[in-house]
């Protein structure tokens, strides 16, 4: 009986994980607000990155303003490994990250432990 219940729980967890991957892959993402030729995004950090998928255009400056609204240590740092960017996000402060993406693609941004994840889609 325990084996059957364990198998059902494992199957349920795997199914939920696959559904989560499918649903995050389908997110269209938020487009930038333009400000003086810069593509600007505002992201709230509170349990997740919100929005977690953002879209920008290649070859144009990007500014992402992060505001961390929690004390969770996991969200203390933000990493953009493909752009070699790592910044501390002090609680309650807006921290801006600015760069100009030159290549098209999907780029992950995460906390230090990769528990918080987002995607930057460059077109």
Protein backbone atom coordinates (compact mmCIF):
# COMPACT_ATOMS: atom_id res chain seq x y z
CA UNK A 1 0.00 0.00 0.00
CA UNK A 2 2.83 2.40 0.89
CA UNK A 3 4.49 1.69 -2.45
CA UNK A 4 1.31 2.58 -4.34
CA UNK A 5 0.83 5.84 -2.41
CA UNK A 6 4.50 6.73 -2.90
CA UNK A 7 4.28 6.03 -6.62
CA UNK A 8 1.16 8.17 -6.95
CA UNK A 9 2.85 11.06 -5.11
CA UNK A 10 5.94 10.84 -7.30
CA UNK A 11 3.77 10.77 -10.42
CA UNK A 12 1.84 13.81 -9.17
CA UNK A 13 5.03 15.79 -8.47
CA UNK A 14 6.47 14.93 -11.90
CA UNK A 15 3.19 15.91 -13.58
CA UNK A 16 3.08 19.24 -11.76
CA UNK A 17 6.70 19.94 -12.67
CA UNK A 18 6.06 19.20 -16.37
CA UNK A 19 2.98 21.44 -16.30
CA UNK A 20 5.02 24.22 -14.69
CA UNK A 21 7.73 23.92 -17.38
CA UNK A 22 5.09 23.94 -20.12
CA UNK A 23 3.28 26.98 -18.70
CA UNK A 24 6.44 29.06 -18.17
CA UNK A 25 7.63 28.23 -21.68
CA UNK A 26 4.40 29.63 -23.08
CA UNK A 27 4.67 33.00 -21.34
CA UNK A 28 4.87 35.81 -23.83
CA UNK A 29 6.60 38.23 -21.52
CA UNK A 30 6.33 41.93 -20.84
CA UNK A 31 7.62 44.44 -23.37
CA UNK A 32 9.74 47.39 -22.31
CA UNK A 33 8.59 50.91 -21.59
CA UNK A 34 10.67 53.36 -23.61
CA UNK A 35 12.40 56.21 -21.76
CA UNK A 36 14.94 58.36 -23.59
CA UNK A 37 15.91 55.55 -25.97
CA UNK A 38 16.32 53.06 -23.12
CA UNK A 39 14.16 49.96 -22.73
CA UNK A 40 12.97 50.03 -19.10
CA UNK A 41 11.52 47.22 -16.98
CA UNK A 42 10.32 47.23 -13.36
CA UNK A 43 10.57 43.92 -11.53
CA UNK A 44 9.30 43.24 -8.01
CA UNK A 45 11.11 40.52 -6.06
CA UNK A 46 8.72 38.90 -3.59
CA UNK A 47 8.63 35.11 -3.67
CA UNK A 48 9.21 35.29 -7.43
CA UNK A 49 10.33 37.81 -10.03
CA UNK A 50 7.28 39.70 -11.23
CA UNK A 51 7.17 39.86 -14.16
CA UNK A 52 9.34 36.80 -14.69
CA UNK A 53 9.56 37.04 -18.49
CA UNK A 54 10.61 40.28 -20.17
CA UNK A 55 11.18 41.10 -23.86
CA UNK A 56 13.67 43.58 -25.28
CA UNK A 57 15.23 44.44 -28.63
CA UNK A 58 18.87 43.66 -29.41
CA UNK A 59 21.35 46.51 -29.84
CA UNK A 60 19.38 48.96 -27.67
CA UNK A 61 20.15 49.86 -24.04
CA UNK A 62 18.16 48.05 -21.35
CA UNK A 63 17.56 49.16 -17.77
CA UNK A 64 15.96 46.73 -15.35
CA UNK A 65 14.86 48.22 -12.03
CA UNK A 66 14.59 45.57 -9.31
CA UNK A 67 12.78 46.23 -6.04
CA UNK A 68 13.16 43.51 -3.42
CA UNK A 69 10.12 43.49 -1.14
CA UNK A 70 11.15 40.64 1.15
CA UNK A 71 13.86 39.63 3.60
CA UNK A 72 14.43 36.15 2.15
CA UNK A 73 18.19 35.61 1.81
CA UNK A 74 17.71 33.62 -1.38
CA UNK A 75 16.63 36.76 -3.25
CA UNK A 76 19.53 38.90 -1.98
CA UNK A 77 21.46 38.71 -5.26
CA UNK A 78 20.45 38.78 -8.93
CA UNK A 79 22.55 37.07 -11.60
CA UNK A 80 22.58 37.40 -15.37
CA UNK A 81 25.23 34.75 -16.12
CA UNK A 82 25.24 35.29 -19.90
CA UNK A 83 26.06 38.98 -19.37
CA UNK A 84 28.42 38.39 -16.41
CA UNK A 85 26.27 40.56 -14.13
CA UNK A 86 25.75 39.92 -10.40
CA UNK A 87 24.27 42.57 -8.12
CA UNK A 88 23.07 42.73 -4.56
CA UNK A 89 19.41 43.66 -4.08
CA UNK A 90 19.05 45.35 -0.66
CA UNK A 91 15.56 44.99 0.76
CA UNK A 92 13.26 47.93 -0.05
CA UNK A 93 15.64 49.68 -2.46
CA UNK A 94 15.42 49.98 -6.23
CA UNK A 95 18.55 48.68 -7.89
CA UNK A 96 19.04 49.37 -11.60
CA UNK A 97 20.97 47.09 -13.91
CA UNK A 98 21.92 48.61 -17.25
CA UNK A 99 23.47 46.95 -20.29
CA UNK A 100 23.06 46.69 -24.05
CA UNK A 101 22.28 43.16 -25.28
CA UNK A 102 23.89 42.59 -28.66
CA UNK A 103 22.70 39.08 -29.47
CA UNK A 104 19.24 37.57 -29.90
CA UNK A 105 18.12 34.73 -27.62
CA UNK A 106 16.61 33.62 -24.32
CA UNK A 107 18.69 34.49 -21.27
CA UNK A 108 18.06 33.29 -17.73
CA UNK A 109 18.32 35.51 -14.67
CA UNK A 110 18.33 33.94 -11.21
CA UNK A 111 19.10 34.33 -7.53
CA UNK A 112 22.36 32.79 -6.29
CA UNK A 113 20.71 29.40 -5.65
CA UNK A 114 18.61 29.51 -8.87
CA UNK A 115 15.39 29.13 -6.88
CA UNK A 116 14.09 32.44 -8.26
CA UNK A 117 14.20 32.42 -12.06
CA UNK A 118 13.25 34.74 -14.86
CA UNK A 119 13.88 35.04 -18.58
CA UNK A 120 15.05 37.93 -20.71
CA UNK A 121 14.01 37.38 -24.32
CA UNK A 122 16.08 39.44 -26.76
CA UNK A 123 14.62 39.80 -30.26
